[in-house]
Amino acid sequence: MTIDPKEIPVPQLHGHLLGAVAPRPIAFASTVDKDGNVNLSPFSFFNVFSANPPIMIFSPARRGRDNTTKHTLENVKEHAEVVVNVVSYDMVQQMSLSSTEYEKGVNEFVKAGFTEVKSERVKPPRVKEAPVSFECKVIEVKSLGEQGGAGQLVICEVQLMHIADRVLGEDGKIDPNKIDLVSRMGGNWYARASGDAIFEVTKPLTTMGIGVDQIPDQIRTSTVLTGNHLGMLGNVEALPTEEEVNDFANEPEVRSILDSFDDEENIQLELHKLAADLLNEGEVDTAWKVLMMG
């Protein structure tokens, strides 16, 4: 399917965008209007864009069905402050309830059953139940258009950050399993970022990987190894030496394969299967030794 955005209705385009660009973090934004009335609403057009200065941007877009604006957008124009709270799994249903389009002046903290906590540097309150809250000054509201569906970028500078002790690991950093964040997918779908849903990938920041193009052809064209496996193999700085490979040939699993098959094709196939298992366990160096025997 190939789509020209100008040739389909905005609601249909919106659905494709949200289904494809996901999961998206949620800015649970607390604002006040010029009279001090509190509003609380979630937005998934959101991310952090700078650490120095600390900048976050979220977008309360104009409504596609009638081109009206949201109370959050109106509020930050009247009072240029916001608290961006993050959403954990144990508060997702209440968060969803707060997205109900109540009349202006209705406090979603009350409707959704959240607890207001007085902020220290801005007027909007923060959500007590949120694992992390950012007190922010709104430094700019940039409109991307005046038509229905147009984004309205609320550019915020973080003034103060509150992190619940319960989500910190022993190293003092936020533990992804303890913070248990949720994110938006398309339609009514959410994702939970904890447990088996999260995994580590070593960043090639301090090393210069050899690259997939330098992997020997018989390994690179393997029918067993996946693109992810090749990416892991290409992230090493050097191949194992011939001596290291020969020494590893006496390992029980390897010796069993070498002794069980007579033809080179089956030996290579079984070695690739063993290497795939090792790569799935993160044993990249060992996998390379296995593969170099093929």
C-alpha atoms as a PDB file:
ATOM      1  CA  MET A   1       0.000   0.000   0.000  1.00  0.00           C
ATOM      2  CA  THR A   2       1.275   3.435  -0.937  1.00  0.00           C
ATOM      3  CA  ILE A   3      -0.600   6.503   0.306  1.00  0.00           C
ATOM      4  CA  ASP A   4      -0.498  10.139  -0.726  1.00  0.00           C
ATOM      5  CA  PRO A   5      -1.574  12.041   2.434  1.00  0.00           C
ATOM      6  CA  LYS A   6      -3.391  14.593   0.294  1.00  0.00           C
ATOM      7  CA  GLU A   7      -5.603  11.970  -1.342  1.00  0.00           C
ATOM      8  CA  ILE A   8      -7.269  10.376   1.718  1.00  0.00           C
ATOM      9  CA  PRO A   9      -9.538  11.834   4.437  1.00  0.00           C
ATOM     10  CA  VAL A  10      -7.761  13.269   7.466  1.00  0.00           C
ATOM     11  CA  PRO A  11      -9.320  10.745   9.928  1.00  0.00           C
ATOM     12  CA  GLN A  12      -8.043   7.863   7.800  1.00  0.00           C
ATOM     13  CA  LEU A  13      -4.579   9.410   7.558  1.00  0.00           C
ATOM     14  CA  HIS A  14      -4.634  10.032  11.302  1.00  0.00           C
ATOM     15  CA  GLY A  15      -5.351   6.349  11.914  1.00  0.00           C
ATOM     16  CA  HIS A  16      -2.454   5.223   9.721  1.00  0.00           C
ATOM     17  CA  LEU A  17      -0.060   7.665  11.390  1.00  0.00           C
ATOM     18  CA  LEU A  18      -0.987   6.534  14.891  1.00  0.00           C
ATOM     19  CA  GLY A  19      -0.896   2.872  13.942  1.00  0.00           C
ATOM     20  CA  ALA A  20       2.562   3.116  12.397  1.00  0.00           C
ATOM     21  CA  VAL A  21       4.321   5.645  14.637  1.00  0.00           C
ATOM     22  CA  ALA A  22       4.070   3.736  17.899  1.00  0.00           C
ATOM     23  CA  PRO A  23       4.475   3.152  20.745  1.00  0.00           C
ATOM     24  CA  ARG A  24       4.260   6.800  21.741  1.00  0.00           C
ATOM     25  CA  PRO A  25       4.978   8.123  25.258  1.00  0.00           C
ATOM     26  CA  ILE A  26       2.168   9.936  27.019  1.00  0.00           C
ATOM     27  CA  ALA A  27       2.319  13.499  28.333  1.00  0.00           C
ATOM     28  CA  PHE A  28      -0.271  13.672  31.097  1.00  0.00           C
ATOM     29  CA  ALA A  29      -0.526  17.456  31.118  1.00  0.00           C
ATOM     30  CA  SER A  30      -1.825  19.538  34.001  1.00  0.00           C
ATOM     31  CA  THR A  31      -2.627  23.176  33.166  1.00  0.00           C
ATOM     32  CA  VAL A  32      -4.631  26.108  34.538  1.00  0.00           C
ATOM     33  CA  ASP A  33      -6.572  28.842  32.760  1.00  0.00           C
ATOM     34  CA  LYS A  34      -6.375  32.560  33.513  1.00  0.00           C
ATOM     35  CA  ASP A  35      -8.884  32.117  36.341  1.00  0.00           C
ATOM     36  CA  GLY A  36      -6.947  29.260  37.956  1.00  0.00           C
ATOM     37  CA  ASN A  37      -9.263  26.436  36.857  1.00  0.00           C
ATOM     38  CA  VAL A  38      -7.318  23.152  36.617  1.00  0.00           C
ATOM     39  CA  ASN A  39      -7.338  20.847  33.595  1.00  0.00           C
ATOM     40  CA  LEU A  40      -5.708  17.424  33.245  1.00  0.00           C
ATOM     41  CA  SER A  41      -5.453  15.646  29.894  1.00  0.00           C
ATOM     42  CA  PRO A  42      -3.202  13.069  28.130  1.00  0.00           C
ATOM     43  CA  PHE A  43      -1.400  13.577  24.808  1.00  0.00           C
ATOM     44  CA  SER A  44       0.635  11.032  22.880  1.00  0.00           C
ATOM     45  CA  PHE A  45       2.129  13.447  20.366  1.00  0.00           C
ATOM     46  CA  PHE A  46       4.947  13.954  22.865  1.00  0.00           C
ATOM     47  CA  ASN A  47       8.643  13.499  23.520  1.00  0.00           C
ATOM     48  CA  VAL A  48      11.785  15.016  25.059  1.00  0.00           C
ATOM     49  CA  PHE A  49      13.962  16.877  22.559  1.00  0.00           C
ATOM     50  CA  SER A  50      16.865  18.378  24.489  1.00  0.00           C
ATOM     51  CA  ALA A  51      18.762  17.934  27.748  1.00  0.00           C
ATOM     52  CA  ASN A  52      20.588  21.265  27.773  1.00  0.00           C
ATOM     53  CA  PRO A  53      18.277  23.082  27.998  1.00  0.00           C
ATOM     54  CA  PRO A  54      15.784  20.373  29.067  1.00  0.00           C
ATOM     55  CA  ILE A  55      13.010  20.702  26.487  1.00  0.00           C
ATOM     56  CA  MET A  56       9.810  18.703  26.049  1.00  0.00           C
ATOM     57  CA  ILE A  57       7.202  19.153  23.329  1.00  0.00           C
ATOM     58  CA  PHE A  58       3.649  17.873  23.201  1.00  0.00           C
ATOM     59  CA  SER A  59       0.863  18.667  20.769  1.00  0.00           C
ATOM     60  CA  PRO A  60      -2.808  19.169  21.666  1.00  0.00           C
ATOM     61  CA  ALA A  61      -3.846  19.100  17.993  1.00  0.00           C
ATOM     62  CA  ARG A  62      -6.961  20.809  16.671  1.00  0.00           C
ATOM     63  CA  ARG A  63      -9.870  18.358  16.603  1.00  0.00           C
ATOM     64  CA  GLY A  64     -10.284  16.735  13.218  1.00  0.00           C
ATOM     65  CA  ARG A  65     -14.065  16.426  13.362  1.00  0.00           C
ATOM     66  CA  ASP A  66     -14.936  20.087  13.999  1.00  0.00           C
ATOM     67  CA  ASN A  67     -11.621  22.003  14.080  1.00  0.00           C
ATOM     68  CA  THR A  68     -12.086  23.135  17.679  1.00  0.00           C
ATOM     69  CA  THR A  69      -9.189  23.512  20.122  1.00  0.00           C
ATOM     70  CA  LYS A  70      -8.594  21.672  23.367  1.00  0.00           C
ATOM     71  CA  HIS A  71      -8.732  23.224  26.818  1.00  0.00           C
ATOM     72  CA  THR A  72      -5.061  22.390  27.380  1.00  0.00           C
ATOM     73  CA  LEU A  73      -4.035  24.464  24.372  1.00  0.00           C
ATOM     74  CA  GLU A  74      -6.233  27.354  25.447  1.00  0.00           C
ATOM     75  CA  ASN A  75      -4.858  27.162  28.991  1.00  0.00           C
ATOM     76  CA  VAL A  76      -1.146  27.283  28.096  1.00  0.00           C
ATOM     77  CA  LYS A  77      -1.828  30.345  25.969  1.00  0.00           C
ATOM     78  CA  GLU A  78      -3.533  32.018  28.933  1.00  0.00           C
ATOM     79  CA  HIS A  79      -1.035  30.809  31.543  1.00  0.00           C
ATOM     80  CA  ALA A  80       2.294  29.633  30.113  1.00  0.00           C
ATOM     81  CA  GLU A  81       3.015  26.806  32.545  1.00  0.00           C
ATOM     82  CA  VAL A  82       2.361  23.058  32.542  1.00  0.00           C
ATOM     83  CA  VAL A  83       3.174  19.968  34.567  1.00  0.00           C
ATOM     84  CA  VAL A  84       3.961  16.965  32.378  1.00  0.00           C
ATOM     85  CA  ASN A  85       3.305  13.754  34.308  1.00  0.00           C
ATOM     86  CA  VAL A  86       4.231  10.298  32.998  1.00  0.00           C
ATOM     87  CA  VAL A  87       1.769   7.407  33.084  1.00  0.00           C
ATOM     88  CA  SER A  88       2.419   4.021  34.675  1.00  0.00           C
ATOM     89  CA  TYR A  89       0.341   0.888  34.160  1.00  0.00           C
ATOM     90  CA  ASP A  90      -1.459   1.145  37.485  1.00  0.00           C
ATOM     91  CA  MET A  91      -2.991   4.514  36.540  1.00  0.00           C
ATOM     92  CA  VAL A  92      -3.783   3.951  32.841  1.00  0.00           C
ATOM     93  CA  GLN A  93      -7.536   3.449  33.254  1.00  0.00           C
ATOM     94  CA  GLN A  94      -7.906   6.641  35.290  1.00  0.00           C
ATOM     95  CA  MET A  95      -5.753   8.468  32.752  1.00  0.00           C
ATOM     96  CA  SER A  96      -8.037   7.288  29.957  1.00  0.00           C
ATOM     97  CA  LEU A  97     -11.089   8.472  31.870  1.00  0.00           C
ATOM     98  CA  SER A  98      -9.556  11.940  32.178  1.00  0.00           C
ATOM     99  CA  SER A  99      -9.489  12.227  28.377  1.00  0.00           C
ATOM    100  CA  THR A 100     -13.294  12.503  28.378  1.00  0.00           C
ATOM    101  CA  GLU A 101     -14.238  15.842  26.855  1.00  0.00           C
ATOM    102  CA  TYR A 102     -15.792  17.442  29.910  1.00  0.00           C
ATOM    103  CA  GLU A 103     -17.022  21.022  29.827  1.00  0.00           C
ATOM    104  CA  LYS A 104     -14.497  23.802  30.394  1.00  0.00           C
ATOM    105  CA  GLY A 105     -13.932  24.366  34.099  1.00  0.00           C
ATOM    106  CA  VAL A 106     -14.421  20.708  35.074  1.00  0.00           C
ATOM    107  CA  ASN A 107     -11.419  19.421  37.019  1.00  0.00           C
ATOM    108  CA  GLU A 108     -10.304  16.050  35.597  1.00  0.00           C
ATOM    109  CA  PHE A 109      -8.289  15.373  38.755  1.00  0.00           C
ATOM    110  CA  VAL A 110     -11.629  15.023  40.519  1.00  0.00           C
ATOM    111  CA  LYS A 111     -13.416  13.196  37.693  1.00  0.00           C
ATOM    112  CA  ALA A 112     -10.644  10.618  37.270  1.00  0.00           C
ATOM    113  CA  GLY A 113      -9.857  10.269  40.980  1.00  0.00           C
ATOM    114  CA  PHE A 114      -6.309  11.628  40.943  1.00  0.00           C
ATOM    115  CA  THR A 115      -4.656  13.557  43.778  1.00  0.00           C
ATOM    116  CA  GLU A 116      -3.429  17.119  43.275  1.00  0.00           C
ATOM    117  CA  VAL A 117      -0.021  17.976  44.701  1.00  0.00           C
ATOM    118  CA  LYS A 118       1.050  21.603  44.849  1.00  0.00           C
ATOM    119  CA  SER A 119       3.927  22.328  42.493  1.00  0.00           C
ATOM    120  CA  GLU A 120       6.975  24.252  43.698  1.00  0.00           C
ATOM    121  CA  ARG A 121       7.764  26.509  40.722  1.00  0.00           C
ATOM    122  CA  VAL A 122       4.633  26.566  38.573  1.00  0.00           C
ATOM    123  CA  LYS A 123       0.940  27.058  39.254  1.00  0.00           C
ATOM    124  CA  PRO A 124      -0.561  23.854  37.745  1.00  0.00           C
ATOM    125  CA  PRO A 125      -0.590  20.975  40.249  1.00  0.00           C
ATOM    126  CA  ARG A 126       1.170  17.691  39.632  1.00  0.00           C
ATOM    127  CA  VAL A 127      -0.347  14.206  39.819  1.00  0.00           C
ATOM    128  CA  LYS A 128       0.597  12.463  43.060  1.00  0.00           C
ATOM    129  CA  GLU A 129       0.075   9.021  41.540  1.00  0.00           C
ATOM    130  CA  ALA A 130       2.479   9.670  38.637  1.00  0.00           C
ATOM    131  CA  PRO A 131       5.947   8.124  39.060  1.00  0.00           C
ATOM    132  CA  VAL A 132       7.621  11.176  37.489  1.00  0.00           C
ATOM    133  CA  SER A 133       6.431  14.756  37.039  1.00  0.00           C
ATOM    134  CA  PHE A 134       8.072  17.693  35.256  1.00  0.00           C
ATOM    135  CA  GLU A 135       7.247  21.256  36.251  1.00  0.00           C
ATOM    136  CA  CYS A 136       7.619  23.276  33.053  1.00  0.00           C
ATOM    137  CA  LYS A 137       7.501  26.791  31.668  1.00  0.00           C
ATOM    138  CA  VAL A 138       5.926  27.074  28.224  1.00  0.00           C
ATOM    139  CA  ILE A 139       8.441  28.950  26.092  1.00  0.00           C
ATOM    140  CA  GLU A 140       6.537  28.795  22.796  1.00  0.00           C
ATOM    141  CA  VAL A 141       3.311  27.535  21.239  1.00  0.00           C
ATOM    142  CA  LYS A 142       3.903  26.861  17.559  1.00  0.00           C
ATOM    143  CA  SER A 143       0.892  26.246  15.331  1.00  0.00           C
ATOM    144  CA  LEU A 144       1.364  23.872  12.403  1.00  0.00           C
ATOM    145  CA  GLY A 145      -1.901  24.949  10.790  1.00  0.00           C
ATOM    146  CA  GLU A 146      -5.415  26.215  11.399  1.00  0.00           C
ATOM    147  CA  GLN A 147      -7.284  23.291   9.854  1.00  0.00           C
ATOM    148  CA  GLY A 148      -8.755  20.296  11.685  1.00  0.00           C
ATOM    149  CA  GLY A 149      -6.035  17.826  12.701  1.00  0.00           C
ATOM    150  CA  ALA A 150      -3.261  20.431  12.676  1.00  0.00           C
ATOM    151  CA  GLY A 151      -0.695  20.035  15.431  1.00  0.00           C
ATOM    152  CA  GLN A 152      -0.107  22.772  17.992  1.00  0.00           C
ATOM    153  CA  LEU A 153       3.359  22.328  19.451  1.00  0.00           C
ATOM    154  CA  VAL A 154       3.658  23.285  23.110  1.00  0.00           C
ATOM    155  CA  ILE A 155       7.390  23.724  23.677  1.00  0.00           C
ATOM    156  CA  CYS A 156       8.255  23.459  27.365  1.00  0.00           C
ATOM    157  CA  GLU A 157      11.396  23.941  29.419  1.00  0.00           C
ATOM    158  CA  VAL A 158      11.665  21.748  32.515  1.00  0.00           C
ATOM    159  CA  GLN A 159      12.106  23.764  35.702  1.00  0.00           C
ATOM    160  CA  LEU A 160      11.911  20.951  38.241  1.00  0.00           C
ATOM    161  CA  MET A 161      11.671  17.165  38.034  1.00  0.00           C
ATOM    162  CA  HIS A 162      10.064  14.919  40.656  1.00  0.00           C
ATOM    163  CA  ILE A 163      10.909  11.191  40.677  1.00  0.00           C
ATOM    164  CA  ALA A 164       9.199   8.767  43.044  1.00  0.00           C
ATOM    165  CA  ASP A 165      11.734   6.796  45.087  1.00  0.00           C
ATOM    166  CA  ARG A 166       9.785   3.613  44.385  1.00  0.00           C
ATOM    167  CA  VAL A 167      10.868   3.585  40.714  1.00  0.00           C
ATOM    168  CA  LEU A 168      14.606   3.908  41.403  1.00  0.00           C
ATOM    169  CA  GLY A 169      17.015   0.994  41.248  1.00  0.00           C
ATOM    170  CA  GLU A 170      19.970   0.442  43.552  1.00  0.00           C
ATOM    171  CA  ASP A 171      22.117   2.466  41.139  1.00  0.00           C
ATOM    172  CA  GLY A 172      19.898   5.530  41.638  1.00  0.00           C
ATOM    173  CA  LYS A 173      18.608   5.356  38.067  1.00  0.00           C
ATOM    174  CA  ILE A 174      15.018   4.815  36.948  1.00  0.00           C
ATOM    175  CA  ASP A 175      14.338   1.084  36.719  1.00  0.00           C
ATOM    176  CA  PRO A 176      12.173   0.378  33.634  1.00  0.00           C
ATOM    177  CA  ASN A 177      10.376  -2.481  35.372  1.00  0.00           C
ATOM    178  CA  LYS A 178       9.639  -0.428  38.469  1.00  0.00           C
ATOM    179  CA  ILE A 179       8.354   2.620  36.592  1.00  0.00           C
ATOM    180  CA  ASP A 180       6.190   0.280  34.444  1.00  0.00           C
ATOM    181  CA  LEU A 181       5.298   2.889  31.826  1.00  0.00           C
ATOM    182  CA  VAL A 182       2.519   2.625  29.269  1.00  0.00           C
ATOM    183  CA  SER A 183       2.424   4.059  25.769  1.00  0.00           C
ATOM    184  CA  ARG A 184      -0.138   4.637  23.040  1.00  0.00           C
ATOM    185  CA  MET A 185      -0.558   2.534  19.950  1.00  0.00           C
ATOM    186  CA  GLY A 186      -3.199   2.991  17.256  1.00  0.00           C
ATOM    187  CA  GLY A 187      -6.934   2.951  17.982  1.00  0.00           C
ATOM    188  CA  ASN A 188      -7.733   1.820  21.539  1.00  0.00           C
ATOM    189  CA  TRP A 189      -4.449  -0.031  21.955  1.00  0.00           C
ATOM    190  CA  TYR A 190      -1.727   0.616  24.538  1.00  0.00           C
ATOM    191  CA  ALA A 191       1.649  -1.010  25.217  1.00  0.00           C
ATOM    192  CA  ARG A 192       3.141  -1.830  28.619  1.00  0.00           C
ATOM    193  CA  ALA A 193       6.882  -1.214  28.791  1.00  0.00           C
ATOM    194  CA  SER A 194       8.031  -3.735  31.385  1.00  0.00           C
ATOM    195  CA  GLY A 195       8.767  -7.431  31.811  1.00  0.00           C
ATOM    196  CA  ASP A 196       9.304  -9.389  28.602  1.00  0.00           C
ATOM    197  CA  ALA A 197       8.317  -6.333  26.525  1.00  0.00           C
ATOM    198  CA  ILE A 198      11.624  -4.591  27.223  1.00  0.00           C
ATOM    199  CA  PHE A 199      15.112  -5.701  26.238  1.00  0.00           C
ATOM    200  CA  GLU A 200      18.647  -4.357  26.024  1.00  0.00           C
ATOM    201  CA  VAL A 201      20.604  -3.604  22.861  1.00  0.00           C
ATOM    202  CA  THR A 202      24.247  -2.622  23.305  1.00  0.00           C
ATOM    203  CA  LYS A 203      24.837   0.808  21.781  1.00  0.00           C
ATOM    204  CA  PRO A 204      27.879   1.084  19.471  1.00  0.00           C
ATOM    205  CA  LEU A 205      29.072   4.321  21.064  1.00  0.00           C
ATOM    206  CA  THR A 206      32.576   3.428  22.223  1.00  0.00           C
ATOM    207  CA  THR A 207      33.309   0.730  19.658  1.00  0.00           C
ATOM    208  CA  MET A 208      33.649   0.645  15.867  1.00  0.00           C
ATOM    209  CA  GLY A 209      31.835  -2.477  14.718  1.00  0.00           C
ATOM    210  CA  ILE A 210      33.084  -4.310  11.641  1.00  0.00           C
ATOM    211  CA  GLY A 211      29.641  -4.010  10.011  1.00  0.00           C
ATOM    212  CA  VAL A 212      27.466  -6.611   8.329  1.00  0.00           C
ATOM    213  CA  ASP A 213      29.316  -6.076   5.050  1.00  0.00           C
ATOM    214  CA  GLN A 214      32.477  -7.548   6.602  1.00  0.00           C
ATOM    215  CA  ILE A 215      30.803 -10.759   7.767  1.00  0.00           C
ATOM    216  CA  PRO A 216      31.914 -13.757   5.670  1.00  0.00           C
ATOM    217  CA  ASP A 217      29.429 -14.648   2.924  1.00  0.00           C
ATOM    218  CA  GLN A 218      28.559 -18.107   4.246  1.00  0.00           C
ATOM    219  CA  ILE A 219      27.470 -16.476   7.518  1.00  0.00           C
ATOM    220  CA  ARG A 220      25.859 -13.353   6.068  1.00  0.00           C
ATOM    221  CA  THR A 221      23.683 -15.426   3.699  1.00  0.00           C
ATOM    222  CA  SER A 222      22.716 -17.981   6.345  1.00  0.00           C
ATOM    223  CA  THR A 223      19.172 -19.359   6.183  1.00  0.00           C
ATOM    224  CA  VAL A 224      19.174 -19.615   9.990  1.00  0.00           C
ATOM    225  CA  LEU A 225      20.501 -16.262  11.160  1.00  0.00           C
ATOM    226  CA  THR A 226      18.161 -13.262  11.155  1.00  0.00           C
ATOM    227  CA  GLY A 227      18.830  -9.592  10.489  1.00  0.00           C
ATOM    228  CA  ASN A 228      19.001  -9.014  14.246  1.00  0.00           C
ATOM    229  CA  HIS A 229      21.628 -11.751  14.554  1.00  0.00           C
ATOM    230  CA  LEU A 230      23.695 -10.171  11.775  1.00  0.00           C
ATOM    231  CA  GLY A 231      23.427  -6.774  13.465  1.00  0.00           C
ATOM    232  CA  MET A 232      24.843  -8.258  16.674  1.00  0.00           C
ATOM    233  CA  LEU A 233      27.644 -10.002  14.794  1.00  0.00           C
ATOM    234  CA  GLY A 234      28.514  -6.813  12.935  1.00  0.00           C
ATOM    235  CA  ASN A 235      28.881  -4.897  16.196  1.00  0.00           C
ATOM    236  CA  VAL A 236      32.161  -6.585  17.184  1.00  0.00           C
ATOM    237  CA  GLU A 237      35.443  -4.808  16.568  1.00  0.00           C
ATOM    238  CA  ALA A 238      37.374  -7.883  15.445  1.00  0.00           C
ATOM    239  CA  LEU A 239      36.810 -11.529  14.556  1.00  0.00           C
ATOM    240  CA  PRO A 240      38.124 -14.265  16.866  1.00  0.00           C
ATOM    241  CA  THR A 241      41.617 -15.501  16.084  1.00  0.00           C
ATOM    242  CA  GLU A 242      42.232 -18.883  14.482  1.00  0.00           C
ATOM    243  CA  GLU A 243      43.722 -20.058  17.769  1.00  0.00           C
ATOM    244  CA  GLU A 244      40.589 -19.046  19.703  1.00  0.00           C
ATOM    245  CA  VAL A 245      38.371 -20.863  17.195  1.00  0.00           C
ATOM    246  CA  ASN A 246      40.476 -24.021  17.309  1.00  0.00           C
ATOM    247  CA  ASP A 247      40.524 -24.043  21.119  1.00  0.00           C
ATOM    248  CA  PHE A 248      36.737 -23.758  21.179  1.00  0.00           C
ATOM    249  CA  ALA A 249      36.304 -26.806  18.915  1.00  0.00           C
ATOM    250  CA  ASN A 250      36.605 -29.081  21.944  1.00  0.00           C
ATOM    251  CA  GLU A 251      33.581 -27.597  23.690  1.00  0.00           C
ATOM    252  CA  PRO A 252      30.981 -30.414  24.151  1.00  0.00           C
ATOM    253  CA  GLU A 253      28.188 -28.837  22.078  1.00  0.00           C
ATOM    254  CA  VAL A 254      30.535 -28.047  19.207  1.00  0.00           C
ATOM    255  CA  ARG A 255      32.332 -31.396  19.309  1.00  0.00           C
ATOM    256  CA  SER A 256      28.975 -33.185  19.224  1.00  0.00           C
ATOM    257  CA  ILE A 257      28.058 -31.428  15.964  1.00  0.00           C
ATOM    258  CA  LEU A 258      31.450 -31.990  14.365  1.00  0.00           C
ATOM    259  CA  ASP A 259      31.401 -35.697  15.268  1.00  0.00           C
ATOM    260  CA  SER A 260      27.752 -36.342  14.316  1.00  0.00           C
ATOM    261  CA  PHE A 261      27.777 -35.203  10.684  1.00  0.00           C
ATOM    262  CA  ASP A 262      29.991 -36.123   7.763  1.00  0.00           C
ATOM    263  CA  ASP A 263      28.979 -33.522   5.198  1.00  0.00           C
ATOM    264  CA  GLU A 264      29.951 -29.866   5.407  1.00  0.00           C
ATOM    265  CA  GLU A 265      26.446 -28.571   4.621  1.00  0.00           C
ATOM    266  CA  ASN A 266      24.799 -30.210   7.642  1.00  0.00           C
ATOM    267  CA  ILE A 267      27.691 -29.264   9.916  1.00  0.00           C
ATOM    268  CA  GLN A 268      27.329 -25.628   8.890  1.00  0.00           C
ATOM    269  CA  LEU A 269      23.547 -25.742   9.379  1.00  0.00           C
ATOM    270  CA  GLU A 270      23.839 -27.148  12.902  1.00  0.00           C
ATOM    271  CA  LEU A 271      26.611 -24.725  13.823  1.00  0.00           C
ATOM    272  CA  HIS A 272      24.449 -21.825  12.649  1.00  0.00           C
ATOM    273  CA  LYS A 273      21.567 -23.093  14.787  1.00  0.00           C
ATOM    274  CA  LEU A 274      23.844 -23.248  17.822  1.00  0.00           C
ATOM    275  CA  ALA A 275      25.162 -19.753  17.071  1.00  0.00           C
ATOM    276  CA  ALA A 276      21.611 -18.408  16.774  1.00  0.00           C
ATOM    277  CA  ASP A 277      20.806 -19.799  20.232  1.00  0.00           C
ATOM    278  CA  LEU A 278      23.946 -18.186  21.640  1.00  0.00           C
ATOM    279  CA  LEU A 279      23.101 -14.843  20.035  1.00  0.00           C
ATOM    280  CA  ASN A 280      19.598 -14.998  21.497  1.00  0.00           C
ATOM    281  CA  GLU A 281      21.286 -15.259  24.888  1.00  0.00           C
ATOM    282  CA  GLY A 282      23.607 -12.351  24.128  1.00  0.00           C
ATOM    283  CA  GLU A 283      26.721 -14.513  23.784  1.00  0.00           C
ATOM    284  CA  VAL A 284      28.111 -12.746  20.713  1.00  0.00           C
ATOM    285  CA  ASP A 285      31.794 -13.641  21.095  1.00  0.00           C
ATOM    286  CA  THR A 286      30.997 -17.309  21.622  1.00  0.00           C
ATOM    287  CA  ALA A 287      28.632 -17.300  18.635  1.00  0.00           C
ATOM    288  CA  TRP A 288      31.419 -15.953  16.450  1.00  0.00           C
ATOM    289  CA  LYS A 289      33.724 -18.809  17.484  1.00  0.00           C
ATOM    290  CA  VAL A 290      31.037 -21.317  16.551  1.00  0.00           C
ATOM    291  CA  LEU A 291      30.339 -19.703  13.200  1.00  0.00           C
ATOM    292  CA  MET A 292      33.999 -19.535  12.217  1.00  0.00           C
ATOM    293  CA  MET A 293      34.146 -23.335  12.368  1.00  0.00           C
ATOM    294  CA  GLY A 294      31.609 -23.696   9.570  1.00  0.00           C
END
